[in-house]
């Protein structure tokens, strides 16, 4: 029905009637011989109900309640519960959170289902990008060594789609490493971190302006004006220009933290990737302790007051004032289910 509009028109009356008949039977028999114990069938009917049934009608509400009941009365394995929950999301269009899943605890069968759900455009579901990477690794590795068992056509279909999408996304991601615009949030974060690490080279090169061209009004061959990274504002302006080479939407966001003496800070946000970038210059005042204290405040702000999911703090230390930049990067970096903090100090001192 979803693919062939003509089929949908021919069977618009037959489908709801068949669903009503199915719902009139014992939905959770002891012998488990009902469609409710076949989660892919439940999901298939959910698609049909969504296409043909009146959302305010009794059939729609009755089937939605049946799907909810499946979560407590039908199969309790992780794969089935995931498909039941997706059917519920498809019908209700409300909270799109799936059950919490950990990448290192997922079987091959579960990995295939999660990847398939990630490919569905009918409804948006909340699947963590790191989890998608983990299930792709599982699928590609297990298929490569023949470590899988297909029990039916439905499982084979899910695997085919999941495998094709995994390979295509990996290839696209590799290509985007050399492209202008990153395709995924992870690609964007990697690119920004690389820009931070290469910034000292950029700043140094800016000081090497040409002297072999005469300037207007003079016969002297003078070095052309440039921007010196004297303070945080210089670094911010330069880094803003660099970001615009790679990202179409870069927003300079002002805010006033408690440590800024009522002075607005300007940080950068890439809304397409829910990524915030904070730029600091050690100058002649900031110590390692000061930076650590400030970053705690900054991370709390971005976690609680914005929609950003990742904060990258770039600390430019041209005079190598920080005693242990590696420790600073490791100690201040953090990651949980909702928010990640990355720290890049450049250049590194001894």
C-alpha atoms as a PDB file:
ATOM      1  CA  UNK A   1       0.000   0.000   0.000  1.00  0.00           C
ATOM      2  CA  UNK A   2       2.849   2.375   0.800  1.00  0.00           C
ATOM      3  CA  UNK A   3       4.488   1.765  -2.585  1.00  0.00           C
ATOM      4  CA  UNK A   4       1.584   1.323  -5.013  1.00  0.00           C
ATOM      5  CA  UNK A   5      -1.176   3.982  -4.807  1.00  0.00           C
ATOM      6  CA  UNK A   6      -3.413   1.922  -7.110  1.00  0.00           C
ATOM      7  CA  UNK A   7      -3.293  -0.996  -4.658  1.00  0.00           C
ATOM      8  CA  UNK A   8      -4.218   1.342  -1.860  1.00  0.00           C
ATOM      9  CA  UNK A   9      -7.292   2.624  -3.721  1.00  0.00           C
ATOM     10  CA  UNK A  10      -8.484  -0.874  -4.619  1.00  0.00           C
ATOM     11  CA  UNK A  11      -8.263  -2.125  -1.033  1.00  0.00           C
ATOM     12  CA  UNK A  12      -9.206   0.888   1.033  1.00  0.00           C
ATOM     13  CA  UNK A  13     -12.366  -0.854   2.241  1.00  0.00           C
ATOM     14  CA  UNK A  14     -10.906  -4.343   2.603  1.00  0.00           C
ATOM     15  CA  UNK A  15      -7.993  -3.378   4.842  1.00  0.00           C
ATOM     16  CA  UNK A  16      -9.884  -1.674   7.724  1.00  0.00           C
ATOM     17  CA  UNK A  17     -12.484  -4.462   7.727  1.00  0.00           C
ATOM     18  CA  UNK A  18      -9.764  -7.116   7.965  1.00  0.00           C
ATOM     19  CA  UNK A  19      -8.105  -5.190  10.821  1.00  0.00           C
ATOM     20  CA  UNK A  20     -11.360  -4.946  12.731  1.00  0.00           C
ATOM     21  CA  UNK A  21     -11.821  -8.701  12.322  1.00  0.00           C
ATOM     22  CA  UNK A  22      -8.309  -9.378  13.613  1.00  0.00           C
ATOM     23  CA  UNK A  23      -8.847  -7.137  16.642  1.00  0.00           C
ATOM     24  CA  UNK A  24     -12.067  -8.962  17.552  1.00  0.00           C
ATOM     25  CA  UNK A  25     -10.179 -12.194  18.298  1.00  0.00           C
ATOM     26  CA  UNK A  26      -8.159 -13.190  21.347  1.00  0.00           C
ATOM     27  CA  UNK A  27      -5.116 -10.961  20.916  1.00  0.00           C
ATOM     28  CA  UNK A  28      -2.869 -12.635  23.487  1.00  0.00           C
ATOM     29  CA  UNK A  29      -3.696 -16.383  23.519  1.00  0.00           C
ATOM     30  CA  UNK A  30      -1.740 -18.844  25.629  1.00  0.00           C
ATOM     31  CA  UNK A  31      -0.380 -20.625  22.545  1.00  0.00           C
ATOM     32  CA  UNK A  32       0.916 -17.259  21.248  1.00  0.00           C
ATOM     33  CA  UNK A  33      -0.641 -17.949  17.830  1.00  0.00           C
ATOM     34  CA  UNK A  34      -1.699 -14.362  17.098  1.00  0.00           C
ATOM     35  CA  UNK A  35      -0.258 -11.505  15.062  1.00  0.00           C
ATOM     36  CA  UNK A  36       0.598  -9.662  18.296  1.00  0.00           C
ATOM     37  CA  UNK A  37       3.437 -12.134  18.876  1.00  0.00           C
ATOM     38  CA  UNK A  38       4.887 -11.363  15.423  1.00  0.00           C
ATOM     39  CA  UNK A  39       6.304  -7.834  15.872  1.00  0.00           C
ATOM     40  CA  UNK A  40       7.098  -7.213  12.199  1.00  0.00           C
ATOM     41  CA  UNK A  41       3.475  -8.065  11.386  1.00  0.00           C
ATOM     42  CA  UNK A  42       2.339  -5.623  14.086  1.00  0.00           C
ATOM     43  CA  UNK A  43       4.514  -2.952  12.515  1.00  0.00           C
ATOM     44  CA  UNK A  44       3.183  -3.746   9.043  1.00  0.00           C
ATOM     45  CA  UNK A  45      -0.420  -3.388  10.219  1.00  0.00           C
ATOM     46  CA  UNK A  46       0.509  -0.136  11.964  1.00  0.00           C
ATOM     47  CA  UNK A  47       1.670   1.288   8.626  1.00  0.00           C
ATOM     48  CA  UNK A  48      -1.626   0.251   7.032  1.00  0.00           C
ATOM     49  CA  UNK A  49      -3.704   1.715   9.872  1.00  0.00           C
ATOM     50  CA  UNK A  50      -1.811   4.983   9.619  1.00  0.00           C
ATOM     51  CA  UNK A  51      -2.450   5.189   5.869  1.00  0.00           C
ATOM     52  CA  UNK A  52      -6.113   4.217   5.778  1.00  0.00           C
ATOM     53  CA  UNK A  53      -7.795   4.608   9.162  1.00  0.00           C
ATOM     54  CA  UNK A  54      -9.286   7.831  10.509  1.00  0.00           C
ATOM     55  CA  UNK A  55      -6.940   9.034  13.310  1.00  0.00           C
ATOM     56  CA  UNK A  56      -9.985  10.025  15.373  1.00  0.00           C
ATOM     57  CA  UNK A  57     -11.868   6.782  14.684  1.00  0.00           C
ATOM     58  CA  UNK A  58     -12.355   3.693  16.831  1.00  0.00           C
ATOM     59  CA  UNK A  59     -10.163   1.421  14.664  1.00  0.00           C
ATOM     60  CA  UNK A  60      -7.152   3.709  14.976  1.00  0.00           C
ATOM     61  CA  UNK A  61      -7.519   4.056  18.749  1.00  0.00           C
ATOM     62  CA  UNK A  62      -8.196   0.325  19.234  1.00  0.00           C
ATOM     63  CA  UNK A  63      -5.095  -0.720  17.322  1.00  0.00           C
ATOM     64  CA  UNK A  64      -2.959   1.897  19.081  1.00  0.00           C
ATOM     65  CA  UNK A  65      -4.062   0.444  22.422  1.00  0.00           C
ATOM     66  CA  UNK A  66      -3.278  -3.066  21.127  1.00  0.00           C
ATOM     67  CA  UNK A  67       0.273  -1.985  20.265  1.00  0.00           C
ATOM     68  CA  UNK A  68       0.698  -0.534  23.757  1.00  0.00           C
ATOM     69  CA  UNK A  69      -0.510  -3.829  25.223  1.00  0.00           C
ATOM     70  CA  UNK A  70       2.062  -5.733  23.161  1.00  0.00           C
ATOM     71  CA  UNK A  71       4.801  -4.006  25.163  1.00  0.00           C
ATOM     72  CA  UNK A  72       3.556  -5.669  28.356  1.00  0.00           C
ATOM     73  CA  UNK A  73       1.720  -8.809  27.201  1.00  0.00           C
ATOM     74  CA  UNK A  74       3.521 -10.064  24.086  1.00  0.00           C
ATOM     75  CA  UNK A  75       7.187 -10.828  23.321  1.00  0.00           C
ATOM     76  CA  UNK A  76       9.593  -9.355  25.848  1.00  0.00           C
ATOM     77  CA  UNK A  77      12.877  -9.813  23.969  1.00  0.00           C
ATOM     78  CA  UNK A  78      14.752  -6.642  23.070  1.00  0.00           C
ATOM     79  CA  UNK A  79      14.195  -6.902  19.307  1.00  0.00           C
ATOM     80  CA  UNK A  80      10.426  -7.352  19.634  1.00  0.00           C
ATOM     81  CA  UNK A  81      10.096  -4.505  22.124  1.00  0.00           C
ATOM     82  CA  UNK A  82      12.018  -2.236  19.793  1.00  0.00           C
ATOM     83  CA  UNK A  83       9.630  -2.986  16.902  1.00  0.00           C
ATOM     84  CA  UNK A  84       6.546  -2.637  19.120  1.00  0.00           C
ATOM     85  CA  UNK A  85       7.817   0.717  20.362  1.00  0.00           C
ATOM     86  CA  UNK A  86       8.476   1.901  16.808  1.00  0.00           C
ATOM     87  CA  UNK A  87       4.911   0.926  15.831  1.00  0.00           C
ATOM     88  CA  UNK A  88       3.655   2.955  18.798  1.00  0.00           C
ATOM     89  CA  UNK A  89       5.731   5.978  17.716  1.00  0.00           C
ATOM     90  CA  UNK A  90       4.422   5.586  14.153  1.00  0.00           C
ATOM     91  CA  UNK A  91       0.821   5.785  15.353  1.00  0.00           C
ATOM     92  CA  UNK A  92       1.092   8.349  18.122  1.00  0.00           C
ATOM     93  CA  UNK A  93       3.624  10.820  16.660  1.00  0.00           C
ATOM     94  CA  UNK A  94       4.447  11.954  20.180  1.00  0.00           C
ATOM     95  CA  UNK A  95       7.465  11.057  22.264  1.00  0.00           C
ATOM     96  CA  UNK A  96       9.938   9.520  19.816  1.00  0.00           C
ATOM     97  CA  UNK A  97      12.332   8.030  22.367  1.00  0.00           C
ATOM     98  CA  UNK A  98      13.246   4.383  21.856  1.00  0.00           C
ATOM     99  CA  UNK A  99      14.266   2.123  24.757  1.00  0.00           C
ATOM    100  CA  UNK A 100      17.789   2.922  25.910  1.00  0.00           C
ATOM    101  CA  UNK A 101      20.348   0.710  24.207  1.00  0.00           C
ATOM    102  CA  UNK A 102      24.080   0.292  24.712  1.00  0.00           C
ATOM    103  CA  UNK A 103      26.265  -0.421  21.689  1.00  0.00           C
ATOM    104  CA  UNK A 104      28.392  -3.102  23.365  1.00  0.00           C
ATOM    105  CA  UNK A 105      25.328  -5.073  24.505  1.00  0.00           C
ATOM    106  CA  UNK A 106      23.582  -5.378  21.145  1.00  0.00           C
ATOM    107  CA  UNK A 107      23.268  -8.663  19.263  1.00  0.00           C
ATOM    108  CA  UNK A 108      23.591  -8.890  15.485  1.00  0.00           C
ATOM    109  CA  UNK A 109      19.820  -9.276  15.141  1.00  0.00           C
ATOM    110  CA  UNK A 110      19.236  -6.143  17.230  1.00  0.00           C
ATOM    111  CA  UNK A 111      21.868  -4.211  15.306  1.00  0.00           C
ATOM    112  CA  UNK A 112      20.065  -4.941  12.031  1.00  0.00           C
ATOM    113  CA  UNK A 113      16.728  -3.730  13.421  1.00  0.00           C
ATOM    114  CA  UNK A 114      18.228  -0.543  14.879  1.00  0.00           C
ATOM    115  CA  UNK A 115      19.958   0.296  11.606  1.00  0.00           C
ATOM    116  CA  UNK A 116      16.751  -0.373   9.673  1.00  0.00           C
ATOM    117  CA  UNK A 117      14.800   1.925  12.014  1.00  0.00           C
ATOM    118  CA  UNK A 118      17.421   4.610  11.437  1.00  0.00           C
ATOM    119  CA  UNK A 119      16.689   4.463   7.682  1.00  0.00           C
ATOM    120  CA  UNK A 120      12.937   5.008   8.010  1.00  0.00           C
ATOM    121  CA  UNK A 121      11.678   8.427   6.907  1.00  0.00           C
ATOM    122  CA  UNK A 122       8.022   7.834   7.783  1.00  0.00           C
ATOM    123  CA  UNK A 123       8.602   8.965  11.350  1.00  0.00           C
ATOM    124  CA  UNK A 124      11.568  10.535  13.075  1.00  0.00           C
ATOM    125  CA  UNK A 125      12.951   8.455  15.903  1.00  0.00           C
ATOM    126  CA  UNK A 126      15.637   9.483  18.354  1.00  0.00           C
ATOM    127  CA  UNK A 127      18.636   7.207  17.764  1.00  0.00           C
ATOM    128  CA  UNK A 128      21.993   8.369  19.087  1.00  0.00           C
ATOM    129  CA  UNK A 129      24.556   8.827  16.310  1.00  0.00           C
ATOM    130  CA  UNK A 130      27.206   6.934  18.294  1.00  0.00           C
ATOM    131  CA  UNK A 131      24.791   4.003  18.620  1.00  0.00           C
ATOM    132  CA  UNK A 132      24.305   4.010  14.842  1.00  0.00           C
ATOM    133  CA  UNK A 133      28.086   3.814  14.393  1.00  0.00           C
ATOM    134  CA  UNK A 134      28.248   0.909  16.867  1.00  0.00           C
ATOM    135  CA  UNK A 135      25.516  -1.107  15.144  1.00  0.00           C
ATOM    136  CA  UNK A 136      27.093  -0.482  11.738  1.00  0.00           C
ATOM    137  CA  UNK A 137      30.364  -1.887  13.068  1.00  0.00           C
ATOM    138  CA  UNK A 138      28.495  -4.935  14.351  1.00  0.00           C
ATOM    139  CA  UNK A 139      26.665  -5.521  11.057  1.00  0.00           C
ATOM    140  CA  UNK A 140      29.701  -5.071   8.810  1.00  0.00           C
ATOM    141  CA  UNK A 141      32.000  -7.182  10.992  1.00  0.00           C
ATOM    142  CA  UNK A 142      29.558 -10.058  11.465  1.00  0.00           C
ATOM    143  CA  UNK A 143      28.540 -10.184   7.798  1.00  0.00           C
ATOM    144  CA  UNK A 144      32.191 -10.133   6.746  1.00  0.00           C
ATOM    145  CA  UNK A 145      32.900 -13.333   8.701  1.00  0.00           C
ATOM    146  CA  UNK A 146      29.537 -14.982   8.006  1.00  0.00           C
ATOM    147  CA  UNK A 147      28.408 -14.710  11.619  1.00  0.00           C
ATOM    148  CA  UNK A 148      24.648 -14.464  11.073  1.00  0.00           C
ATOM    149  CA  UNK A 149      21.608 -16.689  10.694  1.00  0.00           C
ATOM    150  CA  UNK A 150      18.584 -15.677   8.609  1.00  0.00           C
ATOM    151  CA  UNK A 151      15.375 -17.312   9.803  1.00  0.00           C
ATOM    152  CA  UNK A 152      12.877 -15.833   7.328  1.00  0.00           C
ATOM    153  CA  UNK A 153      12.349 -13.413   4.444  1.00  0.00           C
ATOM    154  CA  UNK A 154      11.587 -10.502   6.774  1.00  0.00           C
ATOM    155  CA  UNK A 155      14.952 -10.866   8.569  1.00  0.00           C
ATOM    156  CA  UNK A 156      16.731 -11.154   5.210  1.00  0.00           C
ATOM    157  CA  UNK A 157      15.032  -7.986   3.978  1.00  0.00           C
ATOM    158  CA  UNK A 158      15.986  -6.019   7.080  1.00  0.00           C
ATOM    159  CA  UNK A 159      19.579  -7.216   6.799  1.00  0.00           C
ATOM    160  CA  UNK A 160      19.818  -6.280   3.130  1.00  0.00           C
ATOM    161  CA  UNK A 161      18.562  -2.739   3.783  1.00  0.00           C
ATOM    162  CA  UNK A 162      20.711  -2.300   6.896  1.00  0.00           C
ATOM    163  CA  UNK A 163      23.813  -3.578   5.132  1.00  0.00           C
ATOM    164  CA  UNK A 164      23.325  -1.385   2.061  1.00  0.00           C
ATOM    165  CA  UNK A 165      22.701   1.705   4.188  1.00  0.00           C
ATOM    166  CA  UNK A 166      25.689   0.994   6.431  1.00  0.00           C
ATOM    167  CA  UNK A 167      28.058   0.626   3.499  1.00  0.00           C
ATOM    168  CA  UNK A 168      26.679   3.698   1.741  1.00  0.00           C
ATOM    169  CA  UNK A 169      26.909   5.891   4.839  1.00  0.00           C
ATOM    170  CA  UNK A 170      30.473   4.753   5.574  1.00  0.00           C
ATOM    171  CA  UNK A 171      31.544   5.504   2.011  1.00  0.00           C
ATOM    172  CA  UNK A 172      29.820   8.892   2.122  1.00  0.00           C
ATOM    173  CA  UNK A 173      31.492   9.693   5.423  1.00  0.00           C
ATOM    174  CA  UNK A 174      34.922   8.839   4.040  1.00  0.00           C
ATOM    175  CA  UNK A 175      34.318  11.001   0.995  1.00  0.00           C
ATOM    176  CA  UNK A 176      33.179  13.876   3.186  1.00  0.00           C
ATOM    177  CA  UNK A 177      36.466  13.848   5.054  1.00  0.00           C
ATOM    178  CA  UNK A 178      37.867  15.625   2.003  1.00  0.00           C
ATOM    179  CA  UNK A 179      34.679  17.519   1.140  1.00  0.00           C
ATOM    180  CA  UNK A 180      33.667  21.015   2.168  1.00  0.00           C
ATOM    181  CA  UNK A 181      30.492  20.261   4.149  1.00  0.00           C
ATOM    182  CA  UNK A 182      30.514  17.350   6.651  1.00  0.00           C
ATOM    183  CA  UNK A 183      27.562  14.985   6.402  1.00  0.00           C
ATOM    184  CA  UNK A 184      27.282  13.815  10.019  1.00  0.00           C
ATOM    185  CA  UNK A 185      27.654  15.371  13.468  1.00  0.00           C
ATOM    186  CA  UNK A 186      30.689  13.199  14.118  1.00  0.00           C
ATOM    187  CA  UNK A 187      32.332  14.347  10.863  1.00  0.00           C
ATOM    188  CA  UNK A 188      31.646  17.974  11.823  1.00  0.00           C
ATOM    189  CA  UNK A 189      33.207  17.549  15.261  1.00  0.00           C
ATOM    190  CA  UNK A 190      36.286  15.852  13.805  1.00  0.00           C
ATOM    191  CA  UNK A 191      36.731  18.651  11.287  1.00  0.00           C
ATOM    192  CA  UNK A 192      36.418  21.397  13.944  1.00  0.00           C
ATOM    193  CA  UNK A 193      38.920  19.625  16.199  1.00  0.00           C
ATOM    194  CA  UNK A 194      41.355  19.338  13.297  1.00  0.00           C
ATOM    195  CA  UNK A 195      40.933  23.049  12.523  1.00  0.00           C
ATOM    196  CA  UNK A 196      41.740  23.814  16.161  1.00  0.00           C
ATOM    197  CA  UNK A 197      44.894  21.690  16.079  1.00  0.00           C
ATOM    198  CA  UNK A 198      46.088  23.321  12.855  1.00  0.00           C
ATOM    199  CA  UNK A 199      45.263  26.876  13.965  1.00  0.00           C
ATOM    200  CA  UNK A 200      48.814  27.657  15.236  1.00  0.00           C
ATOM    201  CA  UNK A 201      50.134  26.899  11.734  1.00  0.00           C
ATOM    202  CA  UNK A 202      47.508  29.229  10.259  1.00  0.00           C
ATOM    203  CA  UNK A 203      48.365  32.003  12.744  1.00  0.00           C
ATOM    204  CA  UNK A 204      52.075  31.658  12.053  1.00  0.00           C
ATOM    205  CA  UNK A 205      51.577  31.767   8.299  1.00  0.00           C
ATOM    206  CA  UNK A 206      49.532  34.971   8.594  1.00  0.00           C
ATOM    207  CA  UNK A 207      52.623  36.759   9.878  1.00  0.00           C
ATOM    208  CA  UNK A 208      54.576  35.870   6.730  1.00  0.00           C
ATOM    209  CA  UNK A 209      53.021  38.430   4.405  1.00  0.00           C
ATOM    210  CA  UNK A 210      54.628  39.224   1.045  1.00  0.00           C
ATOM    211  CA  UNK A 211      57.297  41.942   0.843  1.00  0.00           C
ATOM    212  CA  UNK A 212      58.057  41.700  -2.876  1.00  0.00           C
ATOM    213  CA  UNK A 213      55.160  43.871  -4.093  1.00  0.00           C
ATOM    214  CA  UNK A 214      55.241  47.682  -3.999  1.00  0.00           C
ATOM    215  CA  UNK A 215      52.354  49.321  -2.214  1.00  0.00           C
ATOM    216  CA  UNK A 216      50.466  52.209  -3.805  1.00  0.00           C
ATOM    217  CA  UNK A 217      52.070  55.601  -3.199  1.00  0.00           C
ATOM    218  CA  UNK A 218      55.458  54.312  -2.187  1.00  0.00           C
ATOM    219  CA  UNK A 219      58.518  52.763  -3.784  1.00  0.00           C
ATOM    220  CA  UNK A 220      59.270  50.714  -0.717  1.00  0.00           C
ATOM    221  CA  UNK A 221      58.550  47.033  -0.540  1.00  0.00           C
ATOM    222  CA  UNK A 222      56.831  46.819   2.834  1.00  0.00           C
ATOM    223  CA  UNK A 223      55.162  43.841   4.451  1.00  0.00           C
ATOM    224  CA  UNK A 224      51.415  43.933   4.065  1.00  0.00           C
ATOM    225  CA  UNK A 225      49.178  44.403   7.109  1.00  0.00           C
ATOM    226  CA  UNK A 226      48.011  41.260   8.835  1.00  0.00           C
ATOM    227  CA  UNK A 227      46.175  40.119  11.950  1.00  0.00           C
ATOM    228  CA  UNK A 228      48.235  39.263  15.004  1.00  0.00           C
ATOM    229  CA  UNK A 229      46.710  36.866  17.531  1.00  0.00           C
ATOM    230  CA  UNK A 230      47.224  39.196  20.468  1.00  0.00           C
ATOM    231  CA  UNK A 231      44.120  38.291  22.430  1.00  0.00           C
ATOM    232  CA  UNK A 232      40.955  36.213  22.425  1.00  0.00           C
ATOM    233  CA  UNK A 233      39.112  38.595  20.096  1.00  0.00           C
ATOM    234  CA  UNK A 234      41.750  38.175  17.382  1.00  0.00           C
ATOM    235  CA  UNK A 235      41.548  34.393  17.640  1.00  0.00           C
ATOM    236  CA  UNK A 236      37.750  34.464  17.559  1.00  0.00           C
ATOM    237  CA  UNK A 237      37.642  36.651  14.438  1.00  0.00           C
ATOM    238  CA  UNK A 238      40.139  34.462  12.610  1.00  0.00           C
ATOM    239  CA  UNK A 239      38.502  31.198  13.660  1.00  0.00           C
ATOM    240  CA  UNK A 240      35.085  32.528  12.630  1.00  0.00           C
ATOM    241  CA  UNK A 241      36.418  33.152   9.126  1.00  0.00           C
ATOM    242  CA  UNK A 242      37.900  29.642   8.976  1.00  0.00           C
ATOM    243  CA  UNK A 243      34.616  28.020  10.029  1.00  0.00           C
ATOM    244  CA  UNK A 244      32.782  29.816   7.224  1.00  0.00           C
ATOM    245  CA  UNK A 245      34.984  28.004   4.709  1.00  0.00           C
ATOM    246  CA  UNK A 246      33.505  24.667   5.786  1.00  0.00           C
ATOM    247  CA  UNK A 247      30.056  25.355   7.259  1.00  0.00           C
ATOM    248  CA  UNK A 248      27.194  27.299   5.714  1.00  0.00           C
ATOM    249  CA  UNK A 249      25.500  28.201   9.008  1.00  0.00           C
ATOM    250  CA  UNK A 250      27.886  29.559  11.650  1.00  0.00           C
ATOM    251  CA  UNK A 251      26.295  31.646  14.375  1.00  0.00           C
ATOM    252  CA  UNK A 252      28.189  33.919  16.736  1.00  0.00           C
ATOM    253  CA  UNK A 253      26.331  33.542  20.035  1.00  0.00           C
ATOM    254  CA  UNK A 254      26.911  36.154  22.782  1.00  0.00           C
ATOM    255  CA  UNK A 255      26.481  35.313  26.450  1.00  0.00           C
ATOM    256  CA  UNK A 256      27.819  36.644  29.742  1.00  0.00           C
ATOM    257  CA  UNK A 257      29.274  34.044  32.125  1.00  0.00           C
ATOM    258  CA  UNK A 258      29.914  34.873  35.771  1.00  0.00           C
ATOM    259  CA  UNK A 259      33.678  35.052  35.216  1.00  0.00           C
ATOM    260  CA  UNK A 260      33.563  37.546  32.337  1.00  0.00           C
ATOM    261  CA  UNK A 261      33.199  40.803  34.343  1.00  0.00           C
ATOM    262  CA  UNK A 262      29.907  41.643  32.607  1.00  0.00           C
ATOM    263  CA  UNK A 263      31.614  41.394  29.246  1.00  0.00           C
ATOM    264  CA  UNK A 264      29.786  39.418  26.555  1.00  0.00           C
ATOM    265  CA  UNK A 265      31.649  36.375  25.297  1.00  0.00           C
ATOM    266  CA  UNK A 266      31.217  35.310  21.703  1.00  0.00           C
ATOM    267  CA  UNK A 267      31.125  31.597  21.057  1.00  0.00           C
ATOM    268  CA  UNK A 268      30.187  29.873  17.817  1.00  0.00           C
ATOM    269  CA  UNK A 269      27.317  27.491  17.243  1.00  0.00           C
ATOM    270  CA  UNK A 270      26.806  25.172  14.277  1.00  0.00           C
ATOM    271  CA  UNK A 271      23.043  24.520  14.587  1.00  0.00           C
ATOM    272  CA  UNK A 272      22.989  21.907  11.817  1.00  0.00           C
ATOM    273  CA  UNK A 273      25.200  19.737  14.017  1.00  0.00           C
ATOM    274  CA  UNK A 274      24.126  20.925  17.522  1.00  0.00           C
ATOM    275  CA  UNK A 275      27.775  21.841  18.053  1.00  0.00           C
ATOM    276  CA  UNK A 276      29.136  24.767  20.082  1.00  0.00           C
ATOM    277  CA  UNK A 277      32.714  26.041  19.834  1.00  0.00           C
ATOM    278  CA  UNK A 278      34.338  28.097  22.546  1.00  0.00           C
ATOM    279  CA  UNK A 279      37.591  29.917  21.871  1.00  0.00           C
ATOM    280  CA  UNK A 280      40.044  30.912  24.616  1.00  0.00           C
ATOM    281  CA  UNK A 281      43.429  32.655  24.512  1.00  0.00           C
ATOM    282  CA  UNK A 282      45.688  32.106  27.515  1.00  0.00           C
ATOM    283  CA  UNK A 283      47.251  35.561  27.089  1.00  0.00           C
ATOM    284  CA  UNK A 284      49.227  36.641  30.148  1.00  0.00           C
ATOM    285  CA  UNK A 285      46.490  35.960  32.745  1.00  0.00           C
ATOM    286  CA  UNK A 286      44.748  32.642  32.268  1.00  0.00           C
ATOM    287  CA  UNK A 287      46.221  29.702  34.151  1.00  0.00           C
ATOM    288  CA  UNK A 288      45.375  26.036  33.828  1.00  0.00           C
ATOM    289  CA  UNK A 289      43.190  26.281  36.955  1.00  0.00           C
ATOM    290  CA  UNK A 290      41.350  29.358  35.643  1.00  0.00           C
ATOM    291  CA  UNK A 291      40.592  27.620  32.345  1.00  0.00           C
ATOM    292  CA  UNK A 292      39.321  24.503  34.118  1.00  0.00           C
ATOM    293  CA  UNK A 293      36.991  26.558  36.329  1.00  0.00           C
ATOM    294  CA  UNK A 294      35.683  28.535  33.348  1.00  0.00           C
ATOM    295  CA  UNK A 295      35.041  25.458  31.249  1.00  0.00           C
ATOM    296  CA  UNK A 296      32.909  23.912  33.992  1.00  0.00           C
ATOM    297  CA  UNK A 297      30.676  27.013  33.880  1.00  0.00           C
ATOM    298  CA  UNK A 298      30.611  27.067  30.085  1.00  0.00           C
ATOM    299  CA  UNK A 299      29.718  23.377  29.788  1.00  0.00           C
ATOM    300  CA  UNK A 300      26.893  23.767  32.306  1.00  0.00           C
ATOM    301  CA  UNK A 301      25.501  26.701  30.314  1.00  0.00           C
ATOM    302  CA  UNK A 302      25.523  24.892  26.964  1.00  0.00           C
ATOM    303  CA  UNK A 303      24.050  21.745  28.486  1.00  0.00           C
ATOM    304  CA  UNK A 304      21.186  23.491  30.297  1.00  0.00           C
ATOM    305  CA  UNK A 305      20.439  26.610  28.251  1.00  0.00           C
ATOM    306  CA  UNK A 306      20.900  25.531  24.623  1.00  0.00           C
ATOM    307  CA  UNK A 307      20.040  22.670  22.281  1.00  0.00           C
ATOM    308  CA  UNK A 308      23.714  21.886  21.675  1.00  0.00           C
ATOM    309  CA  UNK A 309      24.842  18.320  22.284  1.00  0.00           C
ATOM    310  CA  UNK A 310      28.598  18.857  21.944  1.00  0.00           C
ATOM    311  CA  UNK A 311      30.905  21.624  23.179  1.00  0.00           C
ATOM    312  CA  UNK A 312      34.405  21.925  21.754  1.00  0.00           C
ATOM    313  CA  UNK A 313      36.677  24.201  23.750  1.00  0.00           C
ATOM    314  CA  UNK A 314      39.660  25.485  21.756  1.00  0.00           C
ATOM    315  CA  UNK A 315      42.419  26.892  23.989  1.00  0.00           C
ATOM    316  CA  UNK A 316      45.048  28.807  22.037  1.00  0.00           C
ATOM    317  CA  UNK A 317      48.281  28.912  24.028  1.00  0.00           C
ATOM    318  CA  UNK A 318      50.894  30.555  21.761  1.00  0.00           C
ATOM    319  CA  UNK A 319      53.329  31.280  24.606  1.00  0.00           C
ATOM    320  CA  UNK A 320      53.093  27.752  26.041  1.00  0.00           C
ATOM    321  CA  UNK A 321      51.935  28.978  29.451  1.00  0.00           C
ATOM    322  CA  UNK A 322      49.987  25.850  30.317  1.00  0.00           C
ATOM    323  CA  UNK A 323      52.105  23.391  32.277  1.00  0.00           C
ATOM    324  CA  UNK A 324      50.322  20.195  31.256  1.00  0.00           C
ATOM    325  CA  UNK A 325      48.025  20.692  28.240  1.00  0.00           C
ATOM    326  CA  UNK A 326      47.529  16.943  27.704  1.00  0.00           C
ATOM    327  CA  UNK A 327      46.205  16.529  31.241  1.00  0.00           C
ATOM    328  CA  UNK A 328      43.928  19.529  30.749  1.00  0.00           C
ATOM    329  CA  UNK A 329      42.446  17.966  27.608  1.00  0.00           C
ATOM    330  CA  UNK A 330      41.877  14.612  29.285  1.00  0.00           C
ATOM    331  CA  UNK A 331      40.593  15.901  32.629  1.00  0.00           C
ATOM    332  CA  UNK A 332      38.056  18.335  31.192  1.00  0.00           C
ATOM    333  CA  UNK A 333      36.717  16.095  28.437  1.00  0.00           C
ATOM    334  CA  UNK A 334      33.469  14.353  29.338  1.00  0.00           C
ATOM    335  CA  UNK A 335      30.630  12.471  27.679  1.00  0.00           C
ATOM    336  CA  UNK A 336      27.259  11.109  28.731  1.00  0.00           C
ATOM    337  CA  UNK A 337      23.972  10.285  27.038  1.00  0.00           C
ATOM    338  CA  UNK A 338      22.998  13.904  26.388  1.00  0.00           C
ATOM    339  CA  UNK A 339      26.142  16.020  26.180  1.00  0.00           C
ATOM    340  CA  UNK A 340      29.790  15.798  25.234  1.00  0.00           C
ATOM    341  CA  UNK A 341      32.706  18.122  25.998  1.00  0.00           C
ATOM    342  CA  UNK A 342      35.952  18.048  23.997  1.00  0.00           C
ATOM    343  CA  UNK A 343      39.034  20.134  24.720  1.00  0.00           C
ATOM    344  CA  UNK A 344      41.804  21.022  22.272  1.00  0.00           C
ATOM    345  CA  UNK A 345      44.918  22.883  23.484  1.00  0.00           C
ATOM    346  CA  UNK A 346      47.271  24.161  20.804  1.00  0.00           C
ATOM    347  CA  UNK A 347      50.137  24.402  20.482  1.00  0.00           C
ATOM    348  CA  UNK A 348      51.296  21.896  23.099  1.00  0.00           C
ATOM    349  CA  UNK A 349      54.107  22.883  25.426  1.00  0.00           C
ATOM    350  CA  UNK A 350      56.540  20.443  26.970  1.00  0.00           C
END
